[in-house]
């Protein structure tokens, strides 16, 4: 049993790392002036009817850092759960709120003491959340992080994630037939 689980895990990791051409996604994950960007880490897992896409790109500027994460597939909606009730709070050390920017709802978490946090932009279709665009940031005020986050073309990224998820479902369905 342990050997089978090990081999299945290895296969999943390999397929996750090498299963797609991400050139179009990489074009959407722009370079930011004065920030050093590393090559993206990309992958997909396809199990039964579960299609999961994950792309991650790291940026640094001195001690400041950003991590951009693109996610697609079932389960992404769980990331929005803390914001789904539209509850905001502000404490001495940290706060969480929803902010509407350019017609999109953003979930923002910010630790005031550490000057780090996360911005989540959920992508929705008619039925549910199918993807998310996330920025994790460190040693940056959230307003500066939001300015950097807005440099990305959210509409193009949302469209690309949706198209990728739909085409993956079609390919999987065609393989079964």
C-alpha atoms as a PDB file:
ATOM      1  CA  UNK A   1       0.000   0.000   0.000  1.00  0.00           C
ATOM      2  CA  UNK A   2       2.762   2.440   0.926  1.00  0.00           C
ATOM      3  CA  UNK A   3       4.666   1.669  -2.293  1.00  0.00           C
ATOM      4  CA  UNK A   4       1.539   2.255  -4.387  1.00  0.00           C
ATOM      5  CA  UNK A   5       0.867   5.554  -2.637  1.00  0.00           C
ATOM      6  CA  UNK A   6       4.494   6.565  -3.150  1.00  0.00           C
ATOM      7  CA  UNK A   7       4.408   5.815  -6.897  1.00  0.00           C
ATOM      8  CA  UNK A   8       1.060   7.547  -7.360  1.00  0.00           C
ATOM      9  CA  UNK A   9       2.493  10.593  -5.566  1.00  0.00           C
ATOM     10  CA  UNK A  10       5.557  10.605  -7.825  1.00  0.00           C
ATOM     11  CA  UNK A  11       3.367  10.360 -10.952  1.00  0.00           C
ATOM     12  CA  UNK A  12       1.165  13.207  -9.723  1.00  0.00           C
ATOM     13  CA  UNK A  13       4.161  15.408  -8.964  1.00  0.00           C
ATOM     14  CA  UNK A  14       5.697  14.737 -12.386  1.00  0.00           C
ATOM     15  CA  UNK A  15       2.413  15.411 -14.197  1.00  0.00           C
ATOM     16  CA  UNK A  16       1.928  18.493 -12.029  1.00  0.00           C
ATOM     17  CA  UNK A  17       5.296  19.909 -13.012  1.00  0.00           C
ATOM     18  CA  UNK A  18       5.480  19.049 -16.699  1.00  0.00           C
ATOM     19  CA  UNK A  19       1.983  18.725 -18.092  1.00  0.00           C
ATOM     20  CA  UNK A  20       1.311  22.083 -19.798  1.00  0.00           C
ATOM     21  CA  UNK A  21       2.850  24.753 -21.957  1.00  0.00           C
ATOM     22  CA  UNK A  22       2.543  27.872 -19.800  1.00  0.00           C
ATOM     23  CA  UNK A  23       3.963  30.418 -22.205  1.00  0.00           C
ATOM     24  CA  UNK A  24       0.676  32.340 -22.413  1.00  0.00           C
ATOM     25  CA  UNK A  25       0.313  32.392 -18.633  1.00  0.00           C
ATOM     26  CA  UNK A  26       3.888  33.586 -18.239  1.00  0.00           C
ATOM     27  CA  UNK A  27       3.157  36.553 -20.522  1.00  0.00           C
ATOM     28  CA  UNK A  28       0.336  37.556 -18.181  1.00  0.00           C
ATOM     29  CA  UNK A  29       2.620  37.396 -15.134  1.00  0.00           C
ATOM     30  CA  UNK A  30       4.410  40.602 -16.021  1.00  0.00           C
ATOM     31  CA  UNK A  31       7.774  41.853 -14.890  1.00  0.00           C
ATOM     32  CA  UNK A  32       7.540  44.686 -12.401  1.00  0.00           C
ATOM     33  CA  UNK A  33      10.074  47.538 -12.712  1.00  0.00           C
ATOM     34  CA  UNK A  34      12.725  47.457  -9.943  1.00  0.00           C
ATOM     35  CA  UNK A  35      11.677  43.937  -8.934  1.00  0.00           C
ATOM     36  CA  UNK A  36      13.609  40.776  -9.735  1.00  0.00           C
ATOM     37  CA  UNK A  37      11.340  37.972 -10.964  1.00  0.00           C
ATOM     38  CA  UNK A  38      12.151  34.277 -10.866  1.00  0.00           C
ATOM     39  CA  UNK A  39      10.930  31.807 -13.471  1.00  0.00           C
ATOM     40  CA  UNK A  40       7.401  30.609 -12.683  1.00  0.00           C
ATOM     41  CA  UNK A  41       6.706  27.257 -11.100  1.00  0.00           C
ATOM     42  CA  UNK A  42       3.855  25.656 -13.013  1.00  0.00           C
ATOM     43  CA  UNK A  43       1.732  22.551 -13.025  1.00  0.00           C
ATOM     44  CA  UNK A  44      -1.565  20.760 -13.213  1.00  0.00           C
ATOM     45  CA  UNK A  45      -3.131  17.733 -11.589  1.00  0.00           C
ATOM     46  CA  UNK A  46      -5.876  15.817 -13.428  1.00  0.00           C
ATOM     47  CA  UNK A  47      -7.635  13.154 -11.408  1.00  0.00           C
ATOM     48  CA  UNK A  48     -11.057  11.935 -12.515  1.00  0.00           C
ATOM     49  CA  UNK A  49     -13.113  15.124 -12.929  1.00  0.00           C
ATOM     50  CA  UNK A  50     -10.797  17.277 -10.833  1.00  0.00           C
ATOM     51  CA  UNK A  51      -8.663  19.701 -12.837  1.00  0.00           C
ATOM     52  CA  UNK A  52      -6.285  21.786 -10.807  1.00  0.00           C
ATOM     53  CA  UNK A  53      -3.995  24.448 -12.219  1.00  0.00           C
ATOM     54  CA  UNK A  54      -1.286  26.184 -10.175  1.00  0.00           C
ATOM     55  CA  UNK A  55       1.226  28.767 -11.340  1.00  0.00           C
ATOM     56  CA  UNK A  56       3.499  30.599  -8.944  1.00  0.00           C
ATOM     57  CA  UNK A  57       5.939  33.434  -9.631  1.00  0.00           C
ATOM     58  CA  UNK A  58       8.181  35.053  -7.027  1.00  0.00           C
ATOM     59  CA  UNK A  59       9.459  38.628  -7.075  1.00  0.00           C
ATOM     60  CA  UNK A  60      11.973  40.346  -4.800  1.00  0.00           C
ATOM     61  CA  UNK A  61      13.221  43.855  -4.192  1.00  0.00           C
ATOM     62  CA  UNK A  62      15.728  43.922  -1.352  1.00  0.00           C
ATOM     63  CA  UNK A  63      13.973  42.543   1.720  1.00  0.00           C
ATOM     64  CA  UNK A  64      10.546  43.021   0.082  1.00  0.00           C
ATOM     65  CA  UNK A  65       8.964  40.032  -1.615  1.00  0.00           C
ATOM     66  CA  UNK A  66       5.869  39.158  -3.597  1.00  0.00           C
ATOM     67  CA  UNK A  67       4.505  35.792  -4.560  1.00  0.00           C
ATOM     68  CA  UNK A  68       1.903  35.675  -7.313  1.00  0.00           C
ATOM     69  CA  UNK A  69      -0.211  32.523  -7.400  1.00  0.00           C
ATOM     70  CA  UNK A  70      -2.732  31.594 -10.082  1.00  0.00           C
ATOM     71  CA  UNK A  71      -5.093  28.770  -9.188  1.00  0.00           C
ATOM     72  CA  UNK A  72      -7.843  27.052 -11.134  1.00  0.00           C
ATOM     73  CA  UNK A  73     -10.147  24.164 -10.333  1.00  0.00           C
ATOM     74  CA  UNK A  74     -12.451  22.770  -7.687  1.00  0.00           C
ATOM     75  CA  UNK A  75     -11.588  23.637  -4.139  1.00  0.00           C
ATOM     76  CA  UNK A  76     -10.333  27.133  -4.938  1.00  0.00           C
ATOM     77  CA  UNK A  77     -13.554  28.518  -3.492  1.00  0.00           C
ATOM     78  CA  UNK A  78     -12.356  27.414  -0.031  1.00  0.00           C
ATOM     79  CA  UNK A  79      -9.797  30.226  -0.151  1.00  0.00           C
ATOM     80  CA  UNK A  80     -12.634  32.734  -0.321  1.00  0.00           C
ATOM     81  CA  UNK A  81     -14.464  31.283   2.708  1.00  0.00           C
ATOM     82  CA  UNK A  82     -12.999  33.730   5.256  1.00  0.00           C
ATOM     83  CA  UNK A  83     -14.353  36.586   3.103  1.00  0.00           C
ATOM     84  CA  UNK A  84     -17.608  34.984   1.926  1.00  0.00           C
ATOM     85  CA  UNK A  85     -19.696  36.360   4.807  1.00  0.00           C
ATOM     86  CA  UNK A  86     -18.494  39.874   3.986  1.00  0.00           C
ATOM     87  CA  UNK A  87     -17.225  40.285   7.530  1.00  0.00           C
ATOM     88  CA  UNK A  88     -14.433  42.765   8.066  1.00  0.00           C
ATOM     89  CA  UNK A  89     -12.442  43.238  11.228  1.00  0.00           C
ATOM     90  CA  UNK A  90      -9.644  45.463  12.388  1.00  0.00           C
ATOM     91  CA  UNK A  91      -7.469  44.558  15.342  1.00  0.00           C
ATOM     92  CA  UNK A  92      -4.327  46.169  16.729  1.00  0.00           C
ATOM     93  CA  UNK A  93      -2.093  43.684  14.950  1.00  0.00           C
ATOM     94  CA  UNK A  94      -3.995  42.649  11.804  1.00  0.00           C
ATOM     95  CA  UNK A  95      -7.161  43.168   9.789  1.00  0.00           C
ATOM     96  CA  UNK A  96      -9.203  41.492   7.077  1.00  0.00           C
ATOM     97  CA  UNK A  97     -11.651  43.115   4.689  1.00  0.00           C
ATOM     98  CA  UNK A  98     -13.209  42.983   1.259  1.00  0.00           C
ATOM     99  CA  UNK A  99     -12.482  45.840  -1.090  1.00  0.00           C
ATOM    100  CA  UNK A 100     -14.126  46.440  -4.459  1.00  0.00           C
ATOM    101  CA  UNK A 101     -11.568  47.488  -7.106  1.00  0.00           C
ATOM    102  CA  UNK A 102     -12.383  47.924 -10.810  1.00  0.00           C
ATOM    103  CA  UNK A 103     -15.553  45.842 -10.426  1.00  0.00           C
ATOM    104  CA  UNK A 104     -13.757  42.945  -8.695  1.00  0.00           C
ATOM    105  CA  UNK A 105     -14.124  41.924  -5.054  1.00  0.00           C
ATOM    106  CA  UNK A 106     -10.732  41.499  -3.404  1.00  0.00           C
ATOM    107  CA  UNK A 107     -10.181  39.796  -0.089  1.00  0.00           C
ATOM    108  CA  UNK A 108      -7.320  41.457   1.770  1.00  0.00           C
ATOM    109  CA  UNK A 109      -5.582  40.230   4.893  1.00  0.00           C
ATOM    110  CA  UNK A 110      -2.857  42.417   6.423  1.00  0.00           C
ATOM    111  CA  UNK A 111      -0.587  41.944   9.431  1.00  0.00           C
ATOM    112  CA  UNK A 112       0.303  45.492  10.514  1.00  0.00           C
ATOM    113  CA  UNK A 113       3.214  44.509  12.728  1.00  0.00           C
ATOM    114  CA  UNK A 114       5.003  42.326  10.146  1.00  0.00           C
ATOM    115  CA  UNK A 115       3.896  44.427   7.133  1.00  0.00           C
ATOM    116  CA  UNK A 116       2.805  41.346   5.241  1.00  0.00           C
ATOM    117  CA  UNK A 117      -0.381  39.885   3.948  1.00  0.00           C
ATOM    118  CA  UNK A 118      -2.365  38.474   1.100  1.00  0.00           C
ATOM    119  CA  UNK A 119      -4.738  39.730  -1.570  1.00  0.00           C
ATOM    120  CA  UNK A 120      -7.167  37.244  -3.106  1.00  0.00           C
ATOM    121  CA  UNK A 121      -9.112  37.904  -6.302  1.00  0.00           C
ATOM    122  CA  UNK A 122     -11.618  35.087  -6.900  1.00  0.00           C
ATOM    123  CA  UNK A 123     -12.655  34.302 -10.471  1.00  0.00           C
ATOM    124  CA  UNK A 124     -16.322  33.379 -10.824  1.00  0.00           C
ATOM    125  CA  UNK A 125     -18.444  31.912 -13.571  1.00  0.00           C
ATOM    126  CA  UNK A 126     -22.229  31.583 -13.410  1.00  0.00           C
ATOM    127  CA  UNK A 127     -22.050  28.619 -11.051  1.00  0.00           C
ATOM    128  CA  UNK A 128     -19.200  29.216  -8.644  1.00  0.00           C
ATOM    129  CA  UNK A 129     -15.619  30.260  -8.051  1.00  0.00           C
ATOM    130  CA  UNK A 130     -13.392  28.447 -10.558  1.00  0.00           C
ATOM    131  CA  UNK A 131     -10.070  30.153  -9.931  1.00  0.00           C
ATOM    132  CA  UNK A 132      -8.162  32.761  -7.988  1.00  0.00           C
ATOM    133  CA  UNK A 133      -5.377  35.277  -8.501  1.00  0.00           C
ATOM    134  CA  UNK A 134      -3.424  35.738  -5.285  1.00  0.00           C
ATOM    135  CA  UNK A 135      -0.607  37.996  -4.167  1.00  0.00           C
ATOM    136  CA  UNK A 136       1.253  37.230  -0.961  1.00  0.00           C
ATOM    137  CA  UNK A 137       3.524  40.058   0.127  1.00  0.00           C
ATOM    138  CA  UNK A 138       6.144  40.681   2.796  1.00  0.00           C
ATOM    139  CA  UNK A 139       7.760  43.872   4.117  1.00  0.00           C
ATOM    140  CA  UNK A 140       5.335  46.036   2.124  1.00  0.00           C
ATOM    141  CA  UNK A 141       2.386  48.154   3.202  1.00  0.00           C
ATOM    142  CA  UNK A 142      -0.847  46.710   1.817  1.00  0.00           C
ATOM    143  CA  UNK A 143      -1.593  49.876  -0.199  1.00  0.00           C
ATOM    144  CA  UNK A 144       1.715  49.524  -2.063  1.00  0.00           C
ATOM    145  CA  UNK A 145       1.012  45.807  -2.588  1.00  0.00           C
ATOM    146  CA  UNK A 146      -2.413  46.686  -4.000  1.00  0.00           C
ATOM    147  CA  UNK A 147      -0.814  49.167  -6.437  1.00  0.00           C
ATOM    148  CA  UNK A 148       1.542  46.397  -7.627  1.00  0.00           C
ATOM    149  CA  UNK A 149      -1.333  43.878  -7.818  1.00  0.00           C
ATOM    150  CA  UNK A 150      -3.305  46.246 -10.054  1.00  0.00           C
ATOM    151  CA  UNK A 151      -0.472  46.243 -12.626  1.00  0.00           C
ATOM    152  CA  UNK A 152      -1.584  42.759 -13.715  1.00  0.00           C
ATOM    153  CA  UNK A 153      -4.372  42.404 -16.287  1.00  0.00           C
ATOM    154  CA  UNK A 154      -7.004  40.710 -14.135  1.00  0.00           C
ATOM    155  CA  UNK A 155      -9.528  40.339 -16.954  1.00  0.00           C
ATOM    156  CA  UNK A 156      -7.032  38.609 -19.273  1.00  0.00           C
ATOM    157  CA  UNK A 157      -5.844  36.342 -16.442  1.00  0.00           C
ATOM    158  CA  UNK A 158      -9.409  35.414 -15.490  1.00  0.00           C
ATOM    159  CA  UNK A 159     -10.242  34.619 -19.125  1.00  0.00           C
ATOM    160  CA  UNK A 160      -7.087  32.515 -19.559  1.00  0.00           C
ATOM    161  CA  UNK A 161      -7.750  30.492 -16.393  1.00  0.00           C
ATOM    162  CA  UNK A 162     -11.389  29.879 -17.410  1.00  0.00           C
ATOM    163  CA  UNK A 163     -10.389  28.866 -20.952  1.00  0.00           C
ATOM    164  CA  UNK A 164      -7.677  26.584 -19.607  1.00  0.00           C
ATOM    165  CA  UNK A 165     -10.058  24.882 -17.191  1.00  0.00           C
ATOM    166  CA  UNK A 166     -12.696  24.391 -19.912  1.00  0.00           C
ATOM    167  CA  UNK A 167     -10.230  23.064 -22.506  1.00  0.00           C
ATOM    168  CA  UNK A 168      -8.747  20.661 -19.935  1.00  0.00           C
ATOM    169  CA  UNK A 169     -12.233  19.309 -19.182  1.00  0.00           C
ATOM    170  CA  UNK A 170     -12.891  18.838 -22.912  1.00  0.00           C
ATOM    171  CA  UNK A 171      -9.578  17.023 -23.471  1.00  0.00           C
ATOM    172  CA  UNK A 172     -10.285  14.755 -20.513  1.00  0.00           C
ATOM    173  CA  UNK A 173     -13.805  14.055 -21.800  1.00  0.00           C
ATOM    174  CA  UNK A 174     -12.530  13.298 -25.332  1.00  0.00           C
ATOM    175  CA  UNK A 175      -9.967  10.830 -23.934  1.00  0.00           C
ATOM    176  CA  UNK A 176     -12.761   8.891 -22.220  1.00  0.00           C
ATOM    177  CA  UNK A 177     -14.753   8.623 -25.463  1.00  0.00           C
END
